[in-house]
Every structure is written in C-alpha cells, then in structure tokens.
Amino acid sequence: MPGMRFIAAAGLAISTHVYGADEDARAAFEQAFDRQHALPGYVEHQFSRFPLRPGGAGGTTSMGSERETLTIEHMGDRQRQVLAGVGEIVRANGRVAHRFNLSPQVAQIRAAATTTPLEGLQTVGEVAGSLKDIYDYLSQGPVGVFLGALTAVDQATQMLSSGAGKADLFRAADMLEQQTLWRCEPEDPQSHHPGKVISSHQLADESIRGVPTHVYSETRVFEFIAEPLTNGTYDPVDTPLRGYRMQSRAWVRIADGLPLRSELVLPGGRLRTEYEYPAAVEFAVPECAARP
C-alpha cells in the first residue's frame, strides 16, 4: 500500500477481505511495497494541489499548482515527515513527536506589539494571513496529531483579526511559541486502515524518466461506523457503515520490483508520490520518542 496514513475522524475502521480482484495484479502491487518497506531506508516525496482562497466576495475557489507538500523519510521502522516548511512529525517506538515552525510569526507578532500602531497593524494583518494559510494546510492532515497546533493557530488568528491590544499580541505569540517545542503522544493504532480491495489490474507498461516500469491499478473501499455503537458492540449485520472509494496506481521498476511512483485519487483531490532510494537515510529522534 502506498505510504499514506488514513485517519478515522469519527469512528472505527472495519477490517474486510479482498474480493473481485485480479489476484496476480494484487499480489504484484502488494509485493512491490512489501519489498520497499523491507529496505533500511527510502524517501517519499508527495505532491498535491490545495484550493486557493477566493479573492473578494463572490469569488470562486480554484486549485493551486501542484507542489511538494510532504516529504517522508523512512529509517527502518522509524519515520520523519517534513510538512512543507510548516513543521515535522517523527514516529518511533510507538510514539509520535511533532513540532511546528511558527517562530517567524512569533517574532513578527512580538515586534508588532512594540512598534507604532500603524506599523503594528500592517504586520498583524500579514501574520494573520500567513496563519490562515498554515491552518488550511494543517487541516488537510491527521486531526489527532495537529489538533493542538490547529487550535493555537485558530485562536491566534482570531486575536490578530479582532484589533488585539498589546497584551493580546503577547498572549498570541506565547500560544504559538508552545507549538514550536517537541510534543509526544502514543501512536494511535487505529490510524492505519488498509481498506477493502475491490479491483486490481495490470495496465500497459510505461517509462518513468526513461526507466521501464510495470503499472498496476487498484481500487479500495474504506468503511467506517456511521453512528455510535450500541453498548460499544459492533454488529456486522445491523451496524450502519459509511465509506468512500480510493483509486491508486503504482509504477513498479521492472529491474528490481521497487515502486518509483504512485498516485492516489481521493475524495478531496489527487496525490502523487515519487520514491527515492538513497544509500542511507538518517535523522534524529526527539528525546520524548526515543523510548516506548
């Protein structure tokens, strides 16, 4: 399965079996990523497009250009996610560590609190705009990990957008500064949901940057409990479910069977991932995640 984490925002994922799929294509698809995961290290570069904020009343929302929004470094069973300059997440030893790069906004807010009202007002407006962009970016990710940062950014933006006084500016800066420190929490075992394969096919071979690849297509269904459980019990017959389909495609290098590219079509858009296989991948694990 391509390197993507799916978060059940409102319930429990239901494990299901494969049916109606081309077994040879499904096996080749899964073996390629199993082979990749067995490596001591590799890197994912994820590219996607985010909607642009409409300008003015009645404006329509359009999609921005594709850009790299997430880089994931794998080092054995440890993982570091770099969030397009916004922050980073490290997963290790059953722990999730995260911090966010809000230091520029903190410095600007504190400077605005000590300048003339006119200069401070202009700076505060610029910072509020950048915080809204950061909020939009974080809201696309796993809410559980980003909840603290989302709350802090939202509250700071509201303070800055409502004619905040000096005391409020300093309070907003302090709130954001807390998010620049490493924080750890246990890994949520419910954050990994393989879904249900309903179709797998091998497509015509293609070349990626001159490298021959086999191409595989797969469709999965992700189902979640739609309502609170009765007495905390899941009934496979009577419990109502809801879900969505996700289509994926993988380009697997013929020479060694490793994925070079994958593409996911999600309800909210398209995600392209390019895979890199350097000689070594190394990164530091924060102290709070160094031990289980």
C-alpha atoms as a PDB file:
ATOM      1  CA  MET A   1       0.000   0.000   0.000  1.00  0.00           C
ATOM      2  CA  PRO A   2       1.467   3.418  -0.897  1.00  0.00           C
ATOM      3  CA  GLY A   3       2.768   5.463   2.016  1.00  0.00           C
ATOM      4  CA  MET A   4      -0.357   7.264   3.121  1.00  0.00           C
ATOM      5  CA  ARG A   5      -1.996   7.419   6.556  1.00  0.00           C
ATOM      6  CA  PHE A   6      -5.774   7.465   6.806  1.00  0.00           C
ATOM      7  CA  ILE A   7      -7.404   8.824   9.932  1.00  0.00           C
ATOM      8  CA  ALA A   8     -10.862   7.740  11.071  1.00  0.00           C
ATOM      9  CA  ALA A   9     -12.195  11.089  12.213  1.00  0.00           C
ATOM     10  CA  ALA A  10     -15.480   9.710  13.516  1.00  0.00           C
ATOM     11  CA  GLY A  11     -15.217   6.085  14.343  1.00  0.00           C
ATOM     12  CA  LEU A  12     -13.688   2.684  13.927  1.00  0.00           C
ATOM     13  CA  ALA A  13     -12.447   1.129  10.693  1.00  0.00           C
ATOM     14  CA  ILE A  14     -13.861  -2.278   9.795  1.00  0.00           C
ATOM     15  CA  SER A  15     -11.474  -4.963   8.571  1.00  0.00           C
ATOM     16  CA  THR A  16     -12.700  -6.671   5.398  1.00  0.00           C
ATOM     17  CA  HIS A  17     -11.437  -9.195   2.867  1.00  0.00           C
ATOM     18  CA  VAL A  18     -10.320  -8.975  -0.756  1.00  0.00           C
ATOM     19  CA  TYR A  19     -12.885  -9.913  -3.373  1.00  0.00           C
ATOM     20  CA  GLY A  20     -13.418  -9.454  -7.104  1.00  0.00           C
ATOM     21  CA  ALA A  21      -9.780  -8.566  -7.766  1.00  0.00           C
ATOM     22  CA  ASP A  22      -7.174  -9.827 -10.230  1.00  0.00           C
ATOM     23  CA  GLU A  23      -5.103 -11.859  -7.766  1.00  0.00           C
ATOM     24  CA  ASP A  24      -1.860 -11.710  -9.797  1.00  0.00           C
ATOM     25  CA  ALA A  25      -2.050  -7.917 -10.110  1.00  0.00           C
ATOM     26  CA  ARG A  26      -2.987  -7.518  -6.454  1.00  0.00           C
ATOM     27  CA  ALA A  27      -0.095  -9.732  -5.366  1.00  0.00           C
ATOM     28  CA  ALA A  28       2.402  -7.838  -7.549  1.00  0.00           C
ATOM     29  CA  PHE A  29       1.101  -4.493  -6.237  1.00  0.00           C
ATOM     30  CA  GLU A  30       1.479  -5.541  -2.600  1.00  0.00           C
ATOM     31  CA  GLN A  31       4.811  -7.317  -3.093  1.00  0.00           C
ATOM     32  CA  ALA A  32       6.330  -4.146  -4.546  1.00  0.00           C
ATOM     33  CA  PHE A  33       5.504  -2.148  -1.418  1.00  0.00           C
ATOM     34  CA  ASP A  34       6.437  -5.031   0.905  1.00  0.00           C
ATOM     35  CA  ARG A  35       9.842  -5.068  -0.795  1.00  0.00           C
ATOM     36  CA  GLN A  36      10.113  -1.317  -0.312  1.00  0.00           C
ATOM     37  CA  HIS A  37       9.157  -1.455   3.380  1.00  0.00           C
ATOM     38  CA  ALA A  38      11.841  -4.093   3.998  1.00  0.00           C
ATOM     39  CA  LEU A  39      14.592  -1.678   2.930  1.00  0.00           C
ATOM     40  CA  PRO A  40      16.725   0.011   5.625  1.00  0.00           C
ATOM     41  CA  GLY A  41      15.707   3.405   4.254  1.00  0.00           C
ATOM     42  CA  TYR A  42      13.872   5.245   1.486  1.00  0.00           C
ATOM     43  CA  VAL A  43      12.195   8.624   0.931  1.00  0.00           C
ATOM     44  CA  GLU A  44       8.737   9.620  -0.308  1.00  0.00           C
ATOM     45  CA  HIS A  45       8.078  12.966  -1.981  1.00  0.00           C
ATOM     46  CA  GLN A  46       4.346  13.691  -2.003  1.00  0.00           C
ATOM     47  CA  PHE A  47       2.906  16.276  -4.392  1.00  0.00           C
ATOM     48  CA  SER A  48      -0.618  17.661  -4.273  1.00  0.00           C
ATOM     49  CA  ARG A  49      -2.687  20.735  -5.032  1.00  0.00           C
ATOM     50  CA  PHE A  50      -4.570  22.834  -2.499  1.00  0.00           C
ATOM     51  CA  PRO A  51      -7.520  25.149  -3.203  1.00  0.00           C
ATOM     52  CA  LEU A  52      -6.685  28.837  -3.455  1.00  0.00           C
ATOM     53  CA  ARG A  53      -8.596  31.191  -1.182  1.00  0.00           C
ATOM     54  CA  PRO A  54     -11.092  33.199  -3.292  1.00  0.00           C
ATOM     55  CA  GLY A  55     -10.319  36.885  -3.591  1.00  0.00           C
ATOM     56  CA  GLY A  56     -13.234  39.105  -2.657  1.00  0.00           C
ATOM     57  CA  ALA A  57     -16.932  38.488  -2.201  1.00  0.00           C
ATOM     58  CA  GLY A  58     -18.466  36.043  -4.595  1.00  0.00           C
ATOM     59  CA  GLY A  59     -15.094  34.747  -5.751  1.00  0.00           C
ATOM     60  CA  THR A  60     -14.760  31.168  -6.881  1.00  0.00           C
ATOM     61  CA  THR A  61     -12.277  28.730  -5.409  1.00  0.00           C
ATOM     62  CA  SER A  62      -9.649  27.356  -7.787  1.00  0.00           C
ATOM     63  CA  MET A  63      -6.869  24.839  -7.319  1.00  0.00           C
ATOM     64  CA  GLY A  64      -3.282  25.966  -6.940  1.00  0.00           C
ATOM     65  CA  SER A  65      -0.365  24.454  -8.833  1.00  0.00           C
ATOM     66  CA  GLU A  66       1.000  21.072  -7.804  1.00  0.00           C
ATOM     67  CA  ARG A  67       3.800  21.292  -5.239  1.00  0.00           C
ATOM     68  CA  GLU A  68       5.631  19.060  -2.816  1.00  0.00           C
ATOM     69  CA  THR A  69       3.610  19.217   0.379  1.00  0.00           C
ATOM     70  CA  LEU A  70       5.085  16.340   2.356  1.00  0.00           C
ATOM     71  CA  THR A  71       8.442  14.561   2.478  1.00  0.00           C
ATOM     72  CA  ILE A  72       8.590  11.271   4.388  1.00  0.00           C
ATOM     73  CA  GLU A  73      11.955   9.790   5.353  1.00  0.00           C
ATOM     74  CA  HIS A  74      11.897   6.110   6.362  1.00  0.00           C
ATOM     75  CA  MET A  75      14.660   4.689   8.535  1.00  0.00           C
ATOM     76  CA  GLY A  76      13.754   1.077   9.330  1.00  0.00           C
ATOM     77  CA  ASP A  77      10.528   1.215  11.340  1.00  0.00           C
ATOM     78  CA  ARG A  78      11.077   4.913  12.151  1.00  0.00           C
ATOM     79  CA  GLN A  79       9.662   7.739  10.099  1.00  0.00           C
ATOM     80  CA  ARG A  80      10.147  11.501   9.779  1.00  0.00           C
ATOM     81  CA  GLN A  81       7.558  13.620   7.983  1.00  0.00           C
ATOM     82  CA  VAL A  82       8.550  17.131   6.872  1.00  0.00           C
ATOM     83  CA  LEU A  83       5.455  19.276   6.335  1.00  0.00           C
ATOM     84  CA  ALA A  84       6.430  21.708   3.553  1.00  0.00           C
ATOM     85  CA  GLY A  85       8.345  24.007   5.900  1.00  0.00           C
ATOM     86  CA  VAL A  86       5.428  24.146   8.366  1.00  0.00           C
ATOM     87  CA  GLY A  87       6.695  21.515  10.797  1.00  0.00           C
ATOM     88  CA  GLU A  88       7.717  17.911  11.241  1.00  0.00           C
ATOM     89  CA  ILE A  89       6.442  14.664  12.726  1.00  0.00           C
ATOM     90  CA  VAL A  90       8.661  11.799  13.894  1.00  0.00           C
ATOM     91  CA  ARG A  91       7.189   8.339  14.514  1.00  0.00           C
ATOM     92  CA  ALA A  92       9.328   5.930  16.521  1.00  0.00           C
ATOM     93  CA  ASN A  93       8.956   3.317  19.264  1.00  0.00           C
ATOM     94  CA  GLY A  94       5.169   3.559  19.247  1.00  0.00           C
ATOM     95  CA  ARG A  95       5.334   7.335  19.850  1.00  0.00           C
ATOM     96  CA  VAL A  96       4.509  10.353  17.691  1.00  0.00           C
ATOM     97  CA  ALA A  97       6.581  13.513  18.184  1.00  0.00           C
ATOM     98  CA  HIS A  98       5.629  16.751  16.468  1.00  0.00           C
ATOM     99  CA  ARG A  99       6.585  20.421  16.344  1.00  0.00           C
ATOM    100  CA  PHE A 100       5.674  23.304  14.063  1.00  0.00           C
ATOM    101  CA  ASN A 101       7.759  26.078  12.555  1.00  0.00           C
ATOM    102  CA  LEU A 102       5.902  29.135  13.817  1.00  0.00           C
ATOM    103  CA  SER A 103       8.974  31.058  15.019  1.00  0.00           C
ATOM    104  CA  PRO A 104       8.784  33.680  12.204  1.00  0.00           C
ATOM    105  CA  GLN A 105       5.176  34.503  13.150  1.00  0.00           C
ATOM    106  CA  VAL A 106       6.070  34.645  16.855  1.00  0.00           C
ATOM    107  CA  ALA A 107       8.881  37.131  16.170  1.00  0.00           C
ATOM    108  CA  GLN A 108       6.654  39.287  13.945  1.00  0.00           C
ATOM    109  CA  ILE A 109       3.825  39.425  16.499  1.00  0.00           C
ATOM    110  CA  ARG A 110       6.173  40.440  19.311  1.00  0.00           C
ATOM    111  CA  ALA A 111       7.753  43.075  17.109  1.00  0.00           C
ATOM    112  CA  ALA A 112       4.287  44.428  16.210  1.00  0.00           C
ATOM    113  CA  ALA A 113       3.491  44.848  19.892  1.00  0.00           C
ATOM    114  CA  THR A 114       6.439  47.227  20.338  1.00  0.00           C
ATOM    115  CA  THR A 115       6.126  49.347  17.146  1.00  0.00           C
ATOM    116  CA  THR A 116       3.856  52.232  16.202  1.00  0.00           C
ATOM    117  CA  PRO A 117       0.142  51.385  15.861  1.00  0.00           C
ATOM    118  CA  LEU A 118       0.179  51.821  12.070  1.00  0.00           C
ATOM    119  CA  GLU A 119       3.253  49.630  11.546  1.00  0.00           C
ATOM    120  CA  GLY A 120       1.943  47.073  14.017  1.00  0.00           C
ATOM    121  CA  LEU A 121      -1.448  46.921  12.282  1.00  0.00           C
ATOM    122  CA  GLN A 122       0.169  46.165   8.926  1.00  0.00           C
ATOM    123  CA  THR A 123       2.403  43.462  10.423  1.00  0.00           C
ATOM    124  CA  VAL A 124      -0.507  41.878  12.288  1.00  0.00           C
ATOM    125  CA  GLY A 125      -2.538  41.718   9.055  1.00  0.00           C
ATOM    126  CA  GLU A 126       0.327  39.976   7.245  1.00  0.00           C
ATOM    127  CA  VAL A 127       0.805  37.478  10.086  1.00  0.00           C
ATOM    128  CA  ALA A 128      -2.933  36.735  10.249  1.00  0.00           C
ATOM    129  CA  GLY A 129      -2.887  35.946   6.524  1.00  0.00           C
ATOM    130  CA  SER A 130       0.088  33.589   6.860  1.00  0.00           C
ATOM    131  CA  LEU A 131      -1.544  31.843   9.833  1.00  0.00           C
ATOM    132  CA  LYS A 132      -4.706  31.258   7.794  1.00  0.00           C
ATOM    133  CA  ASP A 133      -2.576  29.609   5.099  1.00  0.00           C
ATOM    134  CA  ILE A 134      -0.910  27.396   7.732  1.00  0.00           C
ATOM    135  CA  TYR A 135      -4.311  26.488   9.195  1.00  0.00           C
ATOM    136  CA  ASP A 136      -5.586  25.485   5.747  1.00  0.00           C
ATOM    137  CA  TYR A 137      -2.515  23.300   5.221  1.00  0.00           C
ATOM    138  CA  LEU A 138      -2.712  21.594   8.632  1.00  0.00           C
ATOM    139  CA  SER A 139      -6.442  20.970   8.259  1.00  0.00           C
ATOM    140  CA  GLN A 140      -5.627  18.611   5.360  1.00  0.00           C
ATOM    141  CA  GLY A 141      -3.664  16.310   7.699  1.00  0.00           C
ATOM    142  CA  PRO A 142      -4.337  13.968  10.631  1.00  0.00           C
ATOM    143  CA  VAL A 143      -6.516  15.957  13.017  1.00  0.00           C
ATOM    144  CA  GLY A 144      -5.410  13.993  16.083  1.00  0.00           C
ATOM    145  CA  VAL A 145      -1.748  14.979  15.674  1.00  0.00           C
ATOM    146  CA  PHE A 146      -2.465  18.529  14.518  1.00  0.00           C
ATOM    147  CA  LEU A 147      -5.269  19.383  16.947  1.00  0.00           C
ATOM    148  CA  GLY A 148      -3.094  21.402  19.344  1.00  0.00           C
ATOM    149  CA  ALA A 149      -1.473  23.374  16.537  1.00  0.00           C
ATOM    150  CA  LEU A 150      -4.807  23.913  14.761  1.00  0.00           C
ATOM    151  CA  THR A 151      -6.367  25.248  17.965  1.00  0.00           C
ATOM    152  CA  ALA A 152      -3.419  27.555  18.715  1.00  0.00           C
ATOM    153  CA  VAL A 153      -3.249  28.882  15.146  1.00  0.00           C
ATOM    154  CA  ASP A 154      -7.020  29.434  15.024  1.00  0.00           C
ATOM    155  CA  GLN A 155      -7.116  31.265  18.363  1.00  0.00           C
ATOM    156  CA  ALA A 156      -4.090  33.400  17.478  1.00  0.00           C
ATOM    157  CA  THR A 157      -5.631  34.290  14.101  1.00  0.00           C
ATOM    158  CA  GLN A 158      -8.867  35.363  15.781  1.00  0.00           C
ATOM    159  CA  MET A 159      -6.922  37.526  18.238  1.00  0.00           C
ATOM    160  CA  LEU A 160      -4.971  39.192  15.449  1.00  0.00           C
ATOM    161  CA  SER A 161      -8.075  39.744  13.332  1.00  0.00           C
ATOM    162  CA  SER A 162     -10.117  41.473  16.056  1.00  0.00           C
ATOM    163  CA  GLY A 163      -7.999  44.537  16.826  1.00  0.00           C
ATOM    164  CA  ALA A 164      -5.916  42.895  19.525  1.00  0.00           C
ATOM    165  CA  GLY A 165      -4.116  45.074  22.072  1.00  0.00           C
ATOM    166  CA  LYS A 166      -0.505  44.614  23.134  1.00  0.00           C
ATOM    167  CA  ALA A 167      -1.389  42.141  25.886  1.00  0.00           C
ATOM    168  CA  ASP A 168      -3.336  40.011  23.388  1.00  0.00           C
ATOM    169  CA  LEU A 169      -0.435  40.125  20.928  1.00  0.00           C
ATOM    170  CA  PHE A 170       1.997  38.833  23.516  1.00  0.00           C
ATOM    171  CA  ARG A 171      -0.507  36.143  24.553  1.00  0.00           C
ATOM    172  CA  ALA A 172      -0.931  35.053  20.926  1.00  0.00           C
ATOM    173  CA  ALA A 173       2.858  34.900  20.495  1.00  0.00           C
ATOM    174  CA  ASP A 174       3.259  32.773  23.635  1.00  0.00           C
ATOM    175  CA  MET A 175       0.500  30.416  22.448  1.00  0.00           C
ATOM    176  CA  LEU A 176       2.178  29.885  19.083  1.00  0.00           C
ATOM    177  CA  GLU A 177       5.628  29.511  20.617  1.00  0.00           C
ATOM    178  CA  GLN A 178       4.454  26.476  22.589  1.00  0.00           C
ATOM    179  CA  GLN A 179       3.842  24.697  19.274  1.00  0.00           C
ATOM    180  CA  THR A 180       7.499  25.113  18.247  1.00  0.00           C
ATOM    181  CA  LEU A 181       8.578  22.683  21.010  1.00  0.00           C
ATOM    182  CA  TRP A 182       8.624  18.896  20.579  1.00  0.00           C
ATOM    183  CA  ARG A 183       5.497  17.209  21.928  1.00  0.00           C
ATOM    184  CA  CYS A 184       4.939  13.462  22.098  1.00  0.00           C
ATOM    185  CA  GLU A 185       1.964  11.165  22.367  1.00  0.00           C
ATOM    186  CA  PRO A 186       1.320   7.441  21.855  1.00  0.00           C
ATOM    187  CA  GLU A 187       0.866   6.241  18.285  1.00  0.00           C
ATOM    188  CA  ASP A 188      -2.815   5.607  17.532  1.00  0.00           C
ATOM    189  CA  PRO A 189      -3.182   2.001  16.296  1.00  0.00           C
ATOM    190  CA  GLN A 190      -6.491   2.977  14.639  1.00  0.00           C
ATOM    191  CA  SER A 191      -4.680   5.384  12.256  1.00  0.00           C
ATOM    192  CA  HIS A 192      -3.714   2.598   9.811  1.00  0.00           C
ATOM    193  CA  HIS A 193      -6.608   1.289   7.736  1.00  0.00           C
ATOM    194  CA  PRO A 194      -5.869  -0.961   4.748  1.00  0.00           C
ATOM    195  CA  GLY A 195      -9.432  -0.856   3.425  1.00  0.00           C
ATOM    196  CA  LYS A 196     -11.039  -3.433   1.159  1.00  0.00           C
ATOM    197  CA  VAL A 197      -9.647  -4.216  -2.299  1.00  0.00           C
ATOM    198  CA  ILE A 198     -12.470  -4.449  -4.843  1.00  0.00           C
ATOM    199  CA  SER A 199     -10.425  -4.423  -8.067  1.00  0.00           C
ATOM    200  CA  SER A 200      -6.794  -4.832  -9.180  1.00  0.00           C
ATOM    201  CA  HIS A 201      -5.452  -4.713 -12.729  1.00  0.00           C
ATOM    202  CA  GLN A 202      -2.136  -4.594 -14.524  1.00  0.00           C
ATOM    203  CA  LEU A 203      -2.027  -1.855 -17.148  1.00  0.00           C
ATOM    204  CA  ALA A 204       0.304  -1.286 -20.091  1.00  0.00           C
ATOM    205  CA  ASP A 205       3.979  -0.797 -19.209  1.00  0.00           C
ATOM    206  CA  GLU A 206       5.302   2.774 -19.110  1.00  0.00           C
ATOM    207  CA  SER A 207       8.644   4.531 -18.604  1.00  0.00           C
ATOM    208  CA  ILE A 208       9.347   6.931 -15.739  1.00  0.00           C
ATOM    209  CA  ARG A 209      12.244   9.251 -16.610  1.00  0.00           C
ATOM    210  CA  GLY A 210      13.441   6.624 -19.094  1.00  0.00           C
ATOM    211  CA  VAL A 211      13.138   3.721 -16.618  1.00  0.00           C
ATOM    212  CA  PRO A 212      10.814   0.845 -17.710  1.00  0.00           C
ATOM    213  CA  THR A 213       8.014   0.097 -15.225  1.00  0.00           C
ATOM    214  CA  HIS A 214       5.038  -2.204 -14.814  1.00  0.00           C
ATOM    215  CA  VAL A 215       1.868  -0.264 -13.992  1.00  0.00           C
ATOM    216  CA  TYR A 216      -0.808  -1.524 -11.611  1.00  0.00           C
ATOM    217  CA  SER A 217      -4.208  -0.068 -10.744  1.00  0.00           C
ATOM    218  CA  GLU A 218      -6.172  -0.814  -7.584  1.00  0.00           C
ATOM    219  CA  THR A 219      -9.451   0.342  -6.044  1.00  0.00           C
ATOM    220  CA  ARG A 220     -10.163   0.105  -2.322  1.00  0.00           C
ATOM    221  CA  VAL A 221     -13.204   0.861  -0.208  1.00  0.00           C
ATOM    222  CA  PHE A 222     -12.784   2.356   3.275  1.00  0.00           C
ATOM    223  CA  GLU A 223     -15.748   1.780   5.581  1.00  0.00           C
ATOM    224  CA  PHE A 224     -16.373   3.385   8.966  1.00  0.00           C
ATOM    225  CA  ILE A 225     -19.071   3.073  11.581  1.00  0.00           C
ATOM    226  CA  ALA A 226     -21.592   5.817  10.806  1.00  0.00           C
ATOM    227  CA  GLU A 227     -23.248   6.019  14.244  1.00  0.00           C
ATOM    228  CA  PRO A 228     -22.195   5.453  17.876  1.00  0.00           C
ATOM    229  CA  LEU A 229     -22.049   1.779  18.807  1.00  0.00           C
ATOM    230  CA  THR A 230     -24.813   0.309  20.928  1.00  0.00           C
ATOM    231  CA  ASN A 231     -23.234  -0.788  24.220  1.00  0.00           C
ATOM    232  CA  GLY A 232     -19.864  -0.407  22.496  1.00  0.00           C
ATOM    233  CA  THR A 233     -20.512  -3.506  20.365  1.00  0.00           C
ATOM    234  CA  TYR A 234     -20.046  -3.819  16.601  1.00  0.00           C
ATOM    235  CA  ASP A 235     -22.695  -5.917  14.848  1.00  0.00           C
ATOM    236  CA  PRO A 236     -21.602  -6.832  11.283  1.00  0.00           C
ATOM    237  CA  VAL A 237     -25.268  -7.109  10.210  1.00  0.00           C
ATOM    238  CA  ASP A 238     -27.063  -4.201  11.901  1.00  0.00           C
ATOM    239  CA  THR A 239     -24.341  -1.581  12.493  1.00  0.00           C
ATOM    240  CA  PRO A 240     -24.677   1.179   9.824  1.00  0.00           C
ATOM    241  CA  LEU A 241     -21.494   1.937   7.878  1.00  0.00           C
ATOM    242  CA  ARG A 242     -20.342   4.715   5.604  1.00  0.00           C
ATOM    243  CA  GLY A 243     -17.313   4.833   3.342  1.00  0.00           C
ATOM    244  CA  TYR A 244     -15.626   6.022   0.190  1.00  0.00           C
ATOM    245  CA  ARG A 245     -13.607   4.597  -2.678  1.00  0.00           C
ATOM    246  CA  MET A 246      -9.968   5.342  -3.324  1.00  0.00           C
ATOM    247  CA  GLN A 247      -8.249   4.578  -6.615  1.00  0.00           C
ATOM    248  CA  SER A 248      -4.490   4.099  -6.683  1.00  0.00           C
ATOM    249  CA  ARG A 249      -1.914   3.427  -9.345  1.00  0.00           C
ATOM    250  CA  ALA A 250       1.688   2.286  -8.927  1.00  0.00           C
ATOM    251  CA  TRP A 251       4.633   2.325 -11.327  1.00  0.00           C
ATOM    252  CA  VAL A 252       6.998  -0.501 -10.355  1.00  0.00           C
ATOM    253  CA  ARG A 253      10.561  -0.613 -11.683  1.00  0.00           C
ATOM    254  CA  ILE A 254      10.983  -3.766 -13.739  1.00  0.00           C
ATOM    255  CA  ALA A 255      14.681  -4.135 -12.878  1.00  0.00           C
ATOM    256  CA  ASP A 256      14.226  -4.660  -9.120  1.00  0.00           C
ATOM    257  CA  GLY A 257      10.477  -4.594  -8.387  1.00  0.00           C
ATOM    258  CA  LEU A 258      10.574  -1.355  -6.365  1.00  0.00           C
ATOM    259  CA  PRO A 259       7.904   1.361  -6.748  1.00  0.00           C
ATOM    260  CA  LEU A 260       9.079   4.531  -8.498  1.00  0.00           C
ATOM    261  CA  ARG A 261       5.784   6.419  -8.369  1.00  0.00           C
ATOM    262  CA  SER A 262       2.288   6.061  -7.011  1.00  0.00           C
ATOM    263  CA  GLU A 263      -0.848   8.121  -7.433  1.00  0.00           C
ATOM    264  CA  LEU A 264      -3.952   8.225  -5.262  1.00  0.00           C
ATOM    265  CA  VAL A 265      -7.296   9.663  -6.278  1.00  0.00           C
ATOM    266  CA  LEU A 266      -9.041  10.718  -3.066  1.00  0.00           C
ATOM    267  CA  PRO A 267     -12.435  12.370  -2.475  1.00  0.00           C
ATOM    268  CA  GLY A 268     -10.606  15.677  -1.941  1.00  0.00           C
ATOM    269  CA  GLY A 269      -8.190  15.513  -4.864  1.00  0.00           C
ATOM    270  CA  ARG A 270      -5.169  13.724  -6.274  1.00  0.00           C
ATOM    271  CA  LEU A 271      -1.879  12.809  -4.563  1.00  0.00           C
ATOM    272  CA  ARG A 272       1.277  11.874  -6.465  1.00  0.00           C
ATOM    273  CA  THR A 273       4.257  10.292  -4.691  1.00  0.00           C
ATOM    274  CA  GLU A 274       7.760   9.922  -6.104  1.00  0.00           C
ATOM    275  CA  TYR A 275      10.057   7.413  -4.361  1.00  0.00           C
ATOM    276  CA  GLU A 276      13.773   7.896  -3.796  1.00  0.00           C
ATOM    277  CA  TYR A 277      16.233   5.205  -2.696  1.00  0.00           C
ATOM    278  CA  PRO A 278      19.353   6.873  -1.263  1.00  0.00           C
ATOM    279  CA  ALA A 279      22.323   4.938   0.070  1.00  0.00           C
ATOM    280  CA  ALA A 280      21.338   5.834   3.635  1.00  0.00           C
ATOM    281  CA  VAL A 281      18.573   7.693   5.480  1.00  0.00           C
ATOM    282  CA  GLU A 282      19.389   9.197   8.877  1.00  0.00           C
ATOM    283  CA  PHE A 283      17.534  11.583  11.183  1.00  0.00           C
ATOM    284  CA  ALA A 284      17.480  12.338  14.895  1.00  0.00           C
ATOM    285  CA  VAL A 285      14.640  11.025  17.056  1.00  0.00           C
ATOM    286  CA  PRO A 286      13.359  13.522  19.666  1.00  0.00           C
ATOM    287  CA  GLU A 287      14.075  12.507  23.229  1.00  0.00           C
ATOM    288  CA  CYS A 288      10.386  12.062  24.072  1.00  0.00           C
ATOM    289  CA  ALA A 289      10.087   9.416  21.329  1.00  0.00           C
ATOM    290  CA  ALA A 290      13.435   7.707  21.897  1.00  0.00           C
ATOM    291  CA  ARG A 291      11.827   5.095  24.153  1.00  0.00           C
ATOM    292  CA  PRO A 292       8.453   3.287  24.069  1.00  0.00           C
END
